[in-house]
Amino acid sequence: MANKRNLKKAIRYACGDMAGQCIIAESVLQGADIEKWDNVILNIAMLQEEAINRVTVSYDRTRKDFANGREYKKARRNYFKQVEKAINDYMKTEAGKVAAEMNALTPKK
């Protein structure tokens, strides 16, 4: 898994960018429903909180559970790769839902 600190920063930046786009759209669009845009921003904040909580995990096994250090490191690395993939999948699906909400609120030409 990537460095947890960098992964959390990336999540914060992505969610901040999405929220910033909502704020810009809310102020620029004529006749925008501010309450709906605020709801989208709230959903983004909840997405950020949940994603960061998913990053904060620890490996539940110890070195003594394995025959040698190599097996432990391999199992630990595979565990964190699975966690990272799950977080990536979660962010993609939830960001897609937020983008769909944002697109629904923008007026069609």
PDB file of N, CA and C in Angstrom:
ATOM      1  N   MET A   1       0.848  -1.163   0.000  1.00  0.00           N
ATOM      2  CA  MET A   1       0.000   0.000   0.000  1.00  0.00           C
ATOM      3  C   MET A   1       0.895   1.227   0.000  1.00  0.00           C
ATOM      4  N   ALA A   2       0.450   2.216  -0.671  1.00  0.00           N
ATOM      5  CA  ALA A   2       1.184   3.478  -0.683  1.00  0.00           C
ATOM      6  C   ALA A   2       1.269   4.018   0.738  1.00  0.00           C
ATOM      7  N   ASN A   3       2.147   4.938   0.937  1.00  0.00           N
ATOM      8  CA  ASN A   3       2.278   5.576   2.231  1.00  0.00           C
ATOM      9  C   ASN A   3       0.901   6.088   2.657  1.00  0.00           C
ATOM     10  N   LYS A   4       0.480   5.742   3.881  1.00  0.00           N
ATOM     11  CA  LYS A   4      -0.861   6.118   4.342  1.00  0.00           C
ATOM     12  C   LYS A   4      -1.050   7.626   4.336  1.00  0.00           C
ATOM     13  N   ARG A   5      -0.022   8.337   4.716  1.00  0.00           N
ATOM     14  CA  ARG A   5      -0.125   9.801   4.763  1.00  0.00           C
ATOM     15  C   ARG A   5      -0.372  10.361   3.366  1.00  0.00           C
ATOM     16  N   ASN A   6       0.370   9.861   2.376  1.00  0.00           N
ATOM     17  CA  ASN A   6       0.188  10.337   0.998  1.00  0.00           C
ATOM     18  C   ASN A   6      -1.170   9.932   0.438  1.00  0.00           C
ATOM     19  N   LEU A   7      -1.625   8.750   0.808  1.00  0.00           N
ATOM     20  CA  LEU A   7      -2.936   8.296   0.348  1.00  0.00           C
ATOM     21  C   LEU A   7      -4.048   9.170   0.932  1.00  0.00           C
ATOM     22  N   LYS A   8      -3.928   9.513   2.202  1.00  0.00           N
ATOM     23  CA  LYS A   8      -4.913  10.394   2.834  1.00  0.00           C
ATOM     24  C   LYS A   8      -4.884  11.787   2.207  1.00  0.00           C
ATOM     25  N   LYS A   9      -3.681  12.274   1.895  1.00  0.00           N
ATOM     26  CA  LYS A   9      -3.571  13.578   1.240  1.00  0.00           C
ATOM     27  C   LYS A   9      -4.246  13.554  -0.125  1.00  0.00           C
ATOM     28  N   ALA A  10      -4.034  12.481  -0.869  1.00  0.00           N
ATOM     29  CA  ALA A  10      -4.639  12.366  -2.199  1.00  0.00           C
ATOM     30  C   ALA A  10      -6.163  12.363  -2.098  1.00  0.00           C
ATOM     31  N   ILE A  11      -6.695  11.681  -1.099  1.00  0.00           N
ATOM     32  CA  ILE A  11      -8.145  11.649  -0.895  1.00  0.00           C
ATOM     33  C   ILE A  11      -8.651  13.047  -0.561  1.00  0.00           C
ATOM     34  N   ARG A  12      -7.943  13.733   0.332  1.00  0.00           N
ATOM     35  CA  ARG A  12      -8.358  15.091   0.709  1.00  0.00           C
ATOM     36  C   ARG A  12      -8.310  16.035  -0.490  1.00  0.00           C
ATOM     37  N   TYR A  13      -7.254  15.933  -1.300  1.00  0.00           N
ATOM     38  CA  TYR A  13      -7.141  16.794  -2.483  1.00  0.00           C
ATOM     39  C   TYR A  13      -8.265  16.516  -3.473  1.00  0.00           C
ATOM     40  N   ALA A  14      -8.555  15.231  -3.724  1.00  0.00           N
ATOM     41  CA  ALA A  14      -9.607  14.878  -4.681  1.00  0.00           C
ATOM     42  C   ALA A  14     -10.965  15.382  -4.199  1.00  0.00           C
ATOM     43  N   CYS A  15     -11.258  15.162  -2.932  1.00  0.00           N
ATOM     44  CA  CYS A  15     -12.545  15.619  -2.394  1.00  0.00           C
ATOM     45  C   CYS A  15     -12.606  17.139  -2.343  1.00  0.00           C
ATOM     46  N   GLY A  16     -11.490  17.781  -2.035  1.00  0.00           N
ATOM     47  CA  GLY A  16     -11.449  19.243  -2.030  1.00  0.00           C
ATOM     48  C   GLY A  16     -11.686  19.812  -3.411  1.00  0.00           C
ATOM     49  N   ASP A  17     -11.113  19.172  -4.426  1.00  0.00           N
ATOM     50  CA  ASP A  17     -11.333  19.620  -5.801  1.00  0.00           C
ATOM     51  C   ASP A  17     -12.803  19.488  -6.205  1.00  0.00           C
ATOM     52  N   MET A  18     -13.404  18.361  -5.831  1.00  0.00           N
ATOM     53  CA  MET A  18     -14.819  18.174  -6.168  1.00  0.00           C
ATOM     54  C   MET A  18     -15.691  19.210  -5.458  1.00  0.00           C
ATOM     55  N   ALA A  19     -15.401  19.454  -4.182  1.00  0.00           N
ATOM     56  CA  ALA A  19     -16.179  20.448  -3.432  1.00  0.00           C
ATOM     57  C   ALA A  19     -15.963  21.845  -4.009  1.00  0.00           C
ATOM     58  N   GLY A  20     -14.732  22.139  -4.423  1.00  0.00           N
ATOM     59  CA  GLY A  20     -14.450  23.435  -5.044  1.00  0.00           C
ATOM     60  C   GLY A  20     -15.217  23.633  -6.331  1.00  0.00           C
ATOM     61  N   GLN A  21     -15.316  22.572  -7.123  1.00  0.00           N
ATOM     62  CA  GLN A  21     -16.094  22.648  -8.359  1.00  0.00           C
ATOM     63  C   GLN A  21     -17.571  22.922  -8.052  1.00  0.00           C
ATOM     64  N   CYS A  22     -18.072  22.328  -6.978  1.00  0.00           N
ATOM     65  CA  CYS A  22     -19.464  22.579  -6.583  1.00  0.00           C
ATOM     66  C   CYS A  22     -19.654  24.037  -6.177  1.00  0.00           C
ATOM     67  N   ILE A  23     -18.714  24.576  -5.425  1.00  0.00           N
ATOM     68  CA  ILE A  23     -18.815  25.965  -4.978  1.00  0.00           C
ATOM     69  C   ILE A  23     -18.765  26.912  -6.169  1.00  0.00           C
ATOM     70  N   ILE A  24     -17.891  26.635  -7.104  1.00  0.00           N
ATOM     71  CA  ILE A  24     -17.793  27.470  -8.304  1.00  0.00           C
ATOM     72  C   ILE A  24     -19.085  27.389  -9.113  1.00  0.00           C
ATOM     73  N   ALA A  25     -19.578  26.176  -9.323  1.00  0.00           N
ATOM     74  CA  ALA A  25     -20.810  26.005 -10.091  1.00  0.00           C
ATOM     75  C   ALA A  25     -21.989  26.676  -9.396  1.00  0.00           C
ATOM     76  N   GLU A  26     -22.019  26.582  -8.089  1.00  0.00           N
ATOM     77  CA  GLU A  26     -23.094  27.189  -7.311  1.00  0.00           C
ATOM     78  C   GLU A  26     -23.116  28.702  -7.477  1.00  0.00           C
ATOM     79  N   SER A  27     -21.932  29.309  -7.543  1.00  0.00           N
ATOM     80  CA  SER A  27     -21.873  30.767  -7.645  1.00  0.00           C
ATOM     81  C   SER A  27     -22.008  31.263  -9.084  1.00  0.00           C
ATOM     82  N   VAL A  28     -21.625  30.461 -10.055  1.00  0.00           N
ATOM     83  CA  VAL A  28     -21.628  30.899 -11.453  1.00  0.00           C
ATOM     84  C   VAL A  28     -22.967  30.643 -12.137  1.00  0.00           C
ATOM     85  N   LEU A  29     -23.575  29.509 -11.865  1.00  0.00           N
ATOM     86  CA  LEU A  29     -24.805  29.135 -12.562  1.00  0.00           C
ATOM     87  C   LEU A  29     -25.971  30.017 -12.136  1.00  0.00           C
ATOM     88  N   GLN A  30     -26.694  30.487 -13.124  1.00  0.00           N
ATOM     89  CA  GLN A  30     -27.881  31.309 -12.877  1.00  0.00           C
ATOM     90  C   GLN A  30     -29.010  30.404 -12.389  1.00  0.00           C
ATOM     91  N   GLY A  31     -29.654  30.786 -11.315  1.00  0.00           N
ATOM     92  CA  GLY A  31     -30.800  30.033 -10.806  1.00  0.00           C
ATOM     93  C   GLY A  31     -30.437  28.688 -10.215  1.00  0.00           C
ATOM     94  N   ALA A  32     -29.209  28.543  -9.712  1.00  0.00           N
ATOM     95  CA  ALA A  32     -28.788  27.273  -9.128  1.00  0.00           C
ATOM     96  C   ALA A  32     -29.494  27.059  -7.793  1.00  0.00           C
ATOM     97  N   ASP A  33     -29.880  25.834  -7.547  1.00  0.00           N
ATOM     98  CA  ASP A  33     -30.506  25.484  -6.273  1.00  0.00           C
ATOM     99  C   ASP A  33     -29.388  25.259  -5.253  1.00  0.00           C
ATOM    100  N   ILE A  34     -29.150  26.258  -4.445  1.00  0.00           N
ATOM    101  CA  ILE A  34     -28.021  26.246  -3.512  1.00  0.00           C
ATOM    102  C   ILE A  34     -28.141  25.101  -2.513  1.00  0.00           C
ATOM    103  N   GLU A  35     -29.340  24.792  -2.111  1.00  0.00           N
ATOM    104  CA  GLU A  35     -29.530  23.722  -1.132  1.00  0.00           C
ATOM    105  C   GLU A  35     -29.086  22.372  -1.698  1.00  0.00           C
ATOM    106  N   LYS A  36     -29.376  22.115  -2.959  1.00  0.00           N
ATOM    107  CA  LYS A  36     -28.957  20.850  -3.580  1.00  0.00           C
ATOM    108  C   LYS A  36     -27.443  20.796  -3.738  1.00  0.00           C
ATOM    109  N   TRP A  37     -26.831  21.931  -4.116  1.00  0.00           N
ATOM    110  CA  TRP A  37     -25.372  21.970  -4.237  1.00  0.00           C
ATOM    111  C   TRP A  37     -24.711  21.759  -2.872  1.00  0.00           C
ATOM    112  N   ASP A  38     -25.294  22.341  -1.841  1.00  0.00           N
ATOM    113  CA  ASP A  38     -24.763  22.140  -0.493  1.00  0.00           C
ATOM    114  C   ASP A  38     -24.877  20.680  -0.063  1.00  0.00           C
ATOM    115  N   ASN A  39     -25.939  20.023  -0.488  1.00  0.00           N
ATOM    116  CA  ASN A  39     -26.114  18.608  -0.191  1.00  0.00           C
ATOM    117  C   ASN A  39     -25.025  17.777  -0.879  1.00  0.00           C
ATOM    118  N   VAL A  40     -24.677  18.143  -2.113  1.00  0.00           N
ATOM    119  CA  VAL A  40     -23.605  17.444  -2.821  1.00  0.00           C
ATOM    120  C   VAL A  40     -22.279  17.648  -2.080  1.00  0.00           C
ATOM    121  N   ILE A  41     -22.030  18.858  -1.615  1.00  0.00           N
ATOM    122  CA  ILE A  41     -20.802  19.137  -0.865  1.00  0.00           C
ATOM    123  C   ILE A  41     -20.771  18.316   0.422  1.00  0.00           C
ATOM    124  N   LEU A  42     -21.906  18.179   1.074  1.00  0.00           N
ATOM    125  CA  LEU A  42     -21.991  17.364   2.278  1.00  0.00           C
ATOM    126  C   LEU A  42     -21.693  15.899   1.958  1.00  0.00           C
ATOM    127  N   ASN A  43     -22.212  15.419   0.836  1.00  0.00           N
ATOM    128  CA  ASN A  43     -21.918  14.042   0.412  1.00  0.00           C
ATOM    129  C   ASN A  43     -20.430  13.853   0.154  1.00  0.00           C
ATOM    130  N   ILE A  44     -19.790  14.851  -0.414  1.00  0.00           N
ATOM    131  CA  ILE A  44     -18.344  14.784  -0.656  1.00  0.00           C
ATOM    132  C   ILE A  44     -17.593  14.722   0.670  1.00  0.00           C
ATOM    133  N   ALA A  45     -18.018  15.508   1.636  1.00  0.00           N
ATOM    134  CA  ALA A  45     -17.371  15.491   2.951  1.00  0.00           C
ATOM    135  C   ALA A  45     -17.516  14.127   3.617  1.00  0.00           C
ATOM    136  N   MET A  46     -18.690  13.525   3.491  1.00  0.00           N
ATOM    137  CA  MET A  46     -18.900  12.190   4.070  1.00  0.00           C
ATOM    138  C   MET A  46     -18.073  11.142   3.330  1.00  0.00           C
ATOM    139  N   LEU A  47     -17.939  11.302   2.009  1.00  0.00           N
ATOM    140  CA  LEU A  47     -17.090  10.414   1.224  1.00  0.00           C
ATOM    141  C   LEU A  47     -15.645  10.512   1.699  1.00  0.00           C
ATOM    142  N   GLN A  48     -15.171  11.727   1.908  1.00  0.00           N
ATOM    143  CA  GLN A  48     -13.793  11.932   2.371  1.00  0.00           C
ATOM    144  C   GLN A  48     -13.583  11.274   3.727  1.00  0.00           C
ATOM    145  N   GLU A  49     -14.501  11.482   4.633  1.00  0.00           N
ATOM    146  CA  GLU A  49     -14.359  10.909   5.972  1.00  0.00           C
ATOM    147  C   GLU A  49     -14.332   9.384   5.925  1.00  0.00           C
ATOM    148  N   GLU A  50     -15.239   8.804   5.156  1.00  0.00           N
ATOM    149  CA  GLU A  50     -15.306   7.342   5.062  1.00  0.00           C
ATOM    150  C   GLU A  50     -14.053   6.773   4.402  1.00  0.00           C
ATOM    151  N   ALA A  51     -13.583   7.407   3.342  1.00  0.00           N
ATOM    152  CA  ALA A  51     -12.392   6.910   2.650  1.00  0.00           C
ATOM    153  C   ALA A  51     -11.162   6.982   3.553  1.00  0.00           C
ATOM    154  N   ILE A  52     -11.027   8.061   4.297  1.00  0.00           N
ATOM    155  CA  ILE A  52      -9.880   8.186   5.197  1.00  0.00           C
ATOM    156  C   ILE A  52      -9.975   7.158   6.323  1.00  0.00           C
ATOM    157  N   ASN A  53     -11.179   6.885   6.793  1.00  0.00           N
ATOM    158  CA  ASN A  53     -11.337   5.846   7.814  1.00  0.00           C
ATOM    159  C   ASN A  53     -10.956   4.477   7.265  1.00  0.00           C
ATOM    160  N   ARG A  54     -11.199   4.250   5.999  1.00  0.00           N
ATOM    161  CA  ARG A  54     -10.831   2.964   5.386  1.00  0.00           C
ATOM    162  C   ARG A  54      -9.321   2.828   5.207  1.00  0.00           C
ATOM    163  N   VAL A  55      -8.622   3.947   5.096  1.00  0.00           N
ATOM    164  CA  VAL A  55      -7.162   3.906   4.963  1.00  0.00           C
ATOM    165  C   VAL A  55      -6.519   3.509   6.289  1.00  0.00           C
ATOM    166  N   THR A  56      -7.127   3.902   7.379  1.00  0.00           N
ATOM    167  CA  THR A  56      -6.556   3.672   8.700  1.00  0.00           C
ATOM    168  C   THR A  56      -6.836   2.242   9.133  1.00  0.00           C
ATOM    169  N   VAL A  57      -6.009   1.314   8.651  1.00  0.00           N
ATOM    170  CA  VAL A  57      -6.113  -0.096   9.016  1.00  0.00           C
ATOM    171  C   VAL A  57      -4.729  -0.575   9.434  1.00  0.00           C
ATOM    172  N   SER A  58      -4.709  -1.670  10.141  1.00  0.00           N
ATOM    173  CA  SER A  58      -3.430  -2.272  10.499  1.00  0.00           C
ATOM    174  C   SER A  58      -3.521  -3.770  10.237  1.00  0.00           C
ATOM    175  N   TYR A  59      -2.388  -4.353  10.015  1.00  0.00           N
ATOM    176  CA  TYR A  59      -2.312  -5.780   9.750  1.00  0.00           C
ATOM    177  C   TYR A  59      -2.483  -6.505  11.070  1.00  0.00           C
ATOM    178  N   ASP A  60      -3.417  -7.448  11.131  1.00  0.00           N
ATOM    179  CA  ASP A  60      -3.786  -8.064  12.396  1.00  0.00           C
ATOM    180  C   ASP A  60      -2.955  -9.292  12.774  1.00  0.00           C
ATOM    181  N   ARG A  61      -1.992  -9.652  11.975  1.00  0.00           N
ATOM    182  CA  ARG A  61      -1.162 -10.809  12.293  1.00  0.00           C
ATOM    183  C   ARG A  61       0.241 -10.349  12.667  1.00  0.00           C
ATOM    184  N   THR A  62       0.937 -11.179  13.377  1.00  0.00           N
ATOM    185  CA  THR A  62       2.296 -10.834  13.804  1.00  0.00           C
ATOM    186  C   THR A  62       3.316 -11.721  13.106  1.00  0.00           C
ATOM    187  N   ARG A  63       4.548 -11.360  13.278  1.00  0.00           N
ATOM    188  CA  ARG A  63       5.658 -12.099  12.666  1.00  0.00           C
ATOM    189  C   ARG A  63       5.693 -13.540  13.182  1.00  0.00           C
ATOM    190  N   LYS A  64       5.268 -13.740  14.418  1.00  0.00           N
ATOM    191  CA  LYS A  64       5.297 -15.073  15.033  1.00  0.00           C
ATOM    192  C   LYS A  64       4.286 -16.030  14.412  1.00  0.00           C
ATOM    193  N   ASP A  65       3.297 -15.504  13.699  1.00  0.00           N
ATOM    194  CA  ASP A  65       2.287 -16.340  13.058  1.00  0.00           C
ATOM    195  C   ASP A  65       2.808 -17.037  11.794  1.00  0.00           C
ATOM    196  N   PHE A  66       3.987 -16.685  11.357  1.00  0.00           N
ATOM    197  CA  PHE A  66       4.547 -17.206  10.114  1.00  0.00           C
ATOM    198  C   PHE A  66       5.844 -17.959  10.390  1.00  0.00           C
ATOM    199  N   ALA A  67       6.210 -18.791   9.425  1.00  0.00           N
ATOM    200  CA  ALA A  67       7.421 -19.596   9.580  1.00  0.00           C
ATOM    201  C   ALA A  67       8.683 -18.739   9.526  1.00  0.00           C
ATOM    202  N   ASN A  68       8.675 -17.717   8.677  1.00  0.00           N
ATOM    203  CA  ASN A  68       9.853 -16.852   8.581  1.00  0.00           C
ATOM    204  C   ASN A  68       9.423 -15.433   8.195  1.00  0.00           C
ATOM    205  N   GLY A  69      10.387 -14.546   8.182  1.00  0.00           N
ATOM    206  CA  GLY A  69      10.115 -13.140   7.890  1.00  0.00           C
ATOM    207  C   GLY A  69       9.655 -12.905   6.472  1.00  0.00           C
ATOM    208  N   ARG A  70      10.146 -13.716   5.550  1.00  0.00           N
ATOM    209  CA  ARG A  70       9.771 -13.555   4.149  1.00  0.00           C
ATOM    210  C   ARG A  70       8.283 -13.803   3.942  1.00  0.00           C
ATOM    211  N   GLU A  71       7.751 -14.856   4.550  1.00  0.00           N
ATOM    212  CA  GLU A  71       6.324 -15.156   4.426  1.00  0.00           C
ATOM    213  C   GLU A  71       5.479 -14.054   5.059  1.00  0.00           C
ATOM    214  N   TYR A  72       5.929 -13.553   6.197  1.00  0.00           N
ATOM    215  CA  TYR A  72       5.215 -12.473   6.874  1.00  0.00           C
ATOM    216  C   TYR A  72       5.150 -11.230   5.996  1.00  0.00           C
ATOM    217  N   LYS A  73       6.274 -10.842   5.437  1.00  0.00           N
ATOM    218  CA  LYS A  73       6.316  -9.644   4.594  1.00  0.00           C
ATOM    219  C   LYS A  73       5.457  -9.816   3.359  1.00  0.00           C
ATOM    220  N   LYS A  74       5.477 -11.013   2.782  1.00  0.00           N
ATOM    221  CA  LYS A  74       4.671 -11.270   1.586  1.00  0.00           C
ATOM    222  C   LYS A  74       3.178 -11.196   1.913  1.00  0.00           C
ATOM    223  N   ALA A  75       2.771 -11.821   2.999  1.00  0.00           N
ATOM    224  CA  ALA A  75       1.356 -11.796   3.392  1.00  0.00           C
ATOM    225  C   ALA A  75       0.913 -10.376   3.747  1.00  0.00           C
ATOM    226  N   ARG A  76       1.775  -9.645   4.436  1.00  0.00           N
ATOM    227  CA  ARG A  76       1.454  -8.270   4.817  1.00  0.00           C
ATOM    228  C   ARG A  76       1.310  -7.375   3.587  1.00  0.00           C
ATOM    229  N   ARG A  77       2.234  -7.540   2.656  1.00  0.00           N
ATOM    230  CA  ARG A  77       2.187  -6.753   1.419  1.00  0.00           C
ATOM    231  C   ARG A  77       0.919  -7.057   0.630  1.00  0.00           C
ATOM    232  N   ASN A  78       0.541  -8.333   0.537  1.00  0.00           N
ATOM    233  CA  ASN A  78      -0.688  -8.712  -0.176  1.00  0.00           C
ATOM    234  C   ASN A  78      -1.928  -8.156   0.517  1.00  0.00           C
ATOM    235  N   TYR A  79      -1.917  -8.172   1.832  1.00  0.00           N
ATOM    236  CA  TYR A  79      -3.041  -7.621   2.590  1.00  0.00           C
ATOM    237  C   TYR A  79      -3.228  -6.140   2.276  1.00  0.00           C
ATOM    238  N   PHE A  80      -2.145  -5.381   2.320  1.00  0.00           N
ATOM    239  CA  PHE A  80      -2.258  -3.945   2.074  1.00  0.00           C
ATOM    240  C   PHE A  80      -2.562  -3.630   0.611  1.00  0.00           C
ATOM    241  N   LYS A  81      -2.141  -4.494  -0.314  1.00  0.00           N
ATOM    242  CA  LYS A  81      -2.531  -4.311  -1.712  1.00  0.00           C
ATOM    243  C   LYS A  81      -4.035  -4.489  -1.874  1.00  0.00           C
ATOM    244  N   GLN A  82      -4.607  -5.457  -1.174  1.00  0.00           N
ATOM    245  CA  GLN A  82      -6.056  -5.671  -1.229  1.00  0.00           C
ATOM    246  C   GLN A  82      -6.803  -4.488  -0.622  1.00  0.00           C
ATOM    247  N   VAL A  83      -6.277  -3.963   0.473  1.00  0.00           N
ATOM    248  CA  VAL A  83      -6.899  -2.791   1.104  1.00  0.00           C
ATOM    249  C   VAL A  83      -6.854  -1.602   0.153  1.00  0.00           C
ATOM    250  N   GLU A  84      -5.707  -1.382  -0.478  1.00  0.00           N
ATOM    251  CA  GLU A  84      -5.563  -0.261  -1.400  1.00  0.00           C
ATOM    252  C   GLU A  84      -6.502  -0.406  -2.594  1.00  0.00           C
ATOM    253  N   LYS A  85      -6.645  -1.630  -3.104  1.00  0.00           N
ATOM    254  CA  LYS A  85      -7.549  -1.858  -4.228  1.00  0.00           C
ATOM    255  C   LYS A  85      -8.995  -1.599  -3.815  1.00  0.00           C
ATOM    256  N   ALA A  86      -9.367  -2.018  -2.614  1.00  0.00           N
ATOM    257  CA  ALA A  86     -10.730  -1.795  -2.124  1.00  0.00           C
ATOM    258  C   ALA A  86     -11.003  -0.297  -1.970  1.00  0.00           C
ATOM    259  N   ILE A  87     -10.034   0.455  -1.466  1.00  0.00           N
ATOM    260  CA  ILE A  87     -10.196   1.902  -1.315  1.00  0.00           C
ATOM    261  C   ILE A  87     -10.308   2.562  -2.679  1.00  0.00           C
ATOM    262  N   ASN A  88      -9.479   2.121  -3.615  1.00  0.00           N
ATOM    263  CA  ASN A  88      -9.512   2.665  -4.971  1.00  0.00           C
ATOM    264  C   ASN A  88     -10.869   2.414  -5.620  1.00  0.00           C
ATOM    265  N   ASP A  89     -11.379   1.198  -5.496  1.00  0.00           N
ATOM    266  CA  ASP A  89     -12.690   0.871  -6.063  1.00  0.00           C
ATOM    267  C   ASP A  89     -13.795   1.700  -5.405  1.00  0.00           C
ATOM    268  N   TYR A  90     -13.711   1.847  -4.086  1.00  0.00           N
ATOM    269  CA  TYR A  90     -14.701   2.630  -3.355  1.00  0.00           C
ATOM    270  C   TYR A  90     -14.688   4.084  -3.823  1.00  0.00           C
ATOM    271  N   MET A  91     -13.508   4.665  -3.929  1.00  0.00           N
ATOM    272  CA  MET A  91     -13.405   6.063  -4.361  1.00  0.00           C
ATOM    273  C   MET A  91     -13.926   6.244  -5.780  1.00  0.00           C
ATOM    274  N   LYS A  92     -13.623   5.313  -6.664  1.00  0.00           N
ATOM    275  CA  LYS A  92     -14.098   5.421  -8.046  1.00  0.00           C
ATOM    276  C   LYS A  92     -15.621   5.385  -8.118  1.00  0.00           C
ATOM    277  N   THR A  93     -16.238   4.456  -7.415  1.00  0.00           N
ATOM    278  CA  THR A  93     -17.696   4.354  -7.497  1.00  0.00           C
ATOM    279  C   THR A  93     -18.372   5.553  -6.838  1.00  0.00           C
ATOM    280  N   GLU A  94     -17.877   5.954  -5.677  1.00  0.00           N
ATOM    281  CA  GLU A  94     -18.503   7.070  -4.973  1.00  0.00           C
ATOM    282  C   GLU A  94     -18.260   8.401  -5.688  1.00  0.00           C
ATOM    283  N   ALA A  95     -17.066   8.590  -6.245  1.00  0.00           N
ATOM    284  CA  ALA A  95     -16.787   9.817  -7.005  1.00  0.00           C
ATOM    285  C   ALA A  95     -17.649   9.855  -8.268  1.00  0.00           C
ATOM    286  N   GLY A  96     -17.898   8.693  -8.857  1.00  0.00           N
ATOM    287  CA  GLY A  96     -18.799   8.627 -10.005  1.00  0.00           C
ATOM    288  C   GLY A  96     -20.222   9.032  -9.645  1.00  0.00           C
ATOM    289  N   LYS A  97     -20.668   8.606  -8.465  1.00  0.00           N
ATOM    290  CA  LYS A  97     -22.005   8.990  -8.004  1.00  0.00           C
ATOM    291  C   LYS A  97     -22.079  10.501  -7.765  1.00  0.00           C
ATOM    292  N   VAL A  98     -21.031  11.063  -7.166  1.00  0.00           N
ATOM    293  CA  VAL A  98     -21.000  12.507  -6.905  1.00  0.00           C
ATOM    294  C   VAL A  98     -20.984  13.267  -8.225  1.00  0.00           C
ATOM    295  N   ALA A  99     -20.201  12.782  -9.185  1.00  0.00           N
ATOM    296  CA  ALA A  99     -20.144  13.434 -10.499  1.00  0.00           C
ATOM    297  C   ALA A  99     -21.509  13.382 -11.186  1.00  0.00           C
ATOM    298  N   ALA A 100     -22.220  12.278 -11.034  1.00  0.00           N
ATOM    299  CA  ALA A 100     -23.557  12.170 -11.612  1.00  0.00           C
ATOM    300  C   ALA A 100     -24.515  13.169 -10.964  1.00  0.00           C
ATOM    301  N   GLU A 101     -24.396  13.336  -9.636  1.00  0.00           N
ATOM    302  CA  GLU A 101     -25.230  14.331  -8.947  1.00  0.00           C
ATOM    303  C   GLU A 101     -24.911  15.741  -9.451  1.00  0.00           C
ATOM    304  N   MET A 102     -23.627  16.027  -9.615  1.00  0.00           N
ATOM    305  CA  MET A 102     -23.212  17.344 -10.091  1.00  0.00           C
ATOM    306  C   MET A 102     -23.720  17.588 -11.503  1.00  0.00           C
ATOM    307  N   ASN A 103     -23.623  16.580 -12.351  1.00  0.00           N
ATOM    308  CA  ASN A 103     -24.094  16.723 -13.732  1.00  0.00           C
ATOM    309  C   ASN A 103     -25.608  16.910 -13.787  1.00  0.00           C
ATOM    310  N   ALA A 104     -26.320  16.277 -12.873  1.00  0.00           N
ATOM    311  CA  ALA A 104     -27.767  16.426 -12.846  1.00  0.00           C
ATOM    312  C   ALA A 104     -28.179  17.852 -12.447  1.00  0.00           C
ATOM    313  N   LEU A 105     -27.346  18.511 -11.660  1.00  0.00           N
ATOM    314  CA  LEU A 105     -27.681  19.854 -11.216  1.00  0.00           C
ATOM    315  C   LEU A 105     -27.283  20.953 -12.206  1.00  0.00           C
ATOM    316  N   THR A 106     -26.429  20.620 -13.141  1.00  0.00           N
ATOM    317  CA  THR A 106     -26.031  21.637 -14.128  1.00  0.00           C
ATOM    318  C   THR A 106     -27.085  21.706 -15.224  1.00  0.00           C
ATOM    319  N   PRO A 107     -27.394  22.884 -15.684  1.00  0.00           N
ATOM    320  CA  PRO A 107     -28.434  23.020 -16.719  1.00  0.00           C
ATOM    321  C   PRO A 107     -27.953  22.481 -18.069  1.00  0.00           C
ATOM    322  N   LYS A 108     -28.876  21.907 -18.800  1.00  0.00           N
ATOM    323  CA  LYS A 108     -28.577  21.381 -20.139  1.00  0.00           C
ATOM    324  C   LYS A 108     -28.824  22.480 -21.155  1.00  0.00           C
ATOM    325  N   LYS A 109     -28.014  22.529 -22.181  1.00  0.00           N
ATOM    326  CA  LYS A 109     -28.166  23.570 -23.221  1.00  0.00           C
ATOM    327  C   LYS A 109     -29.212  23.186 -24.219  1.00  0.00           C
TER     328      LYS A 109
END
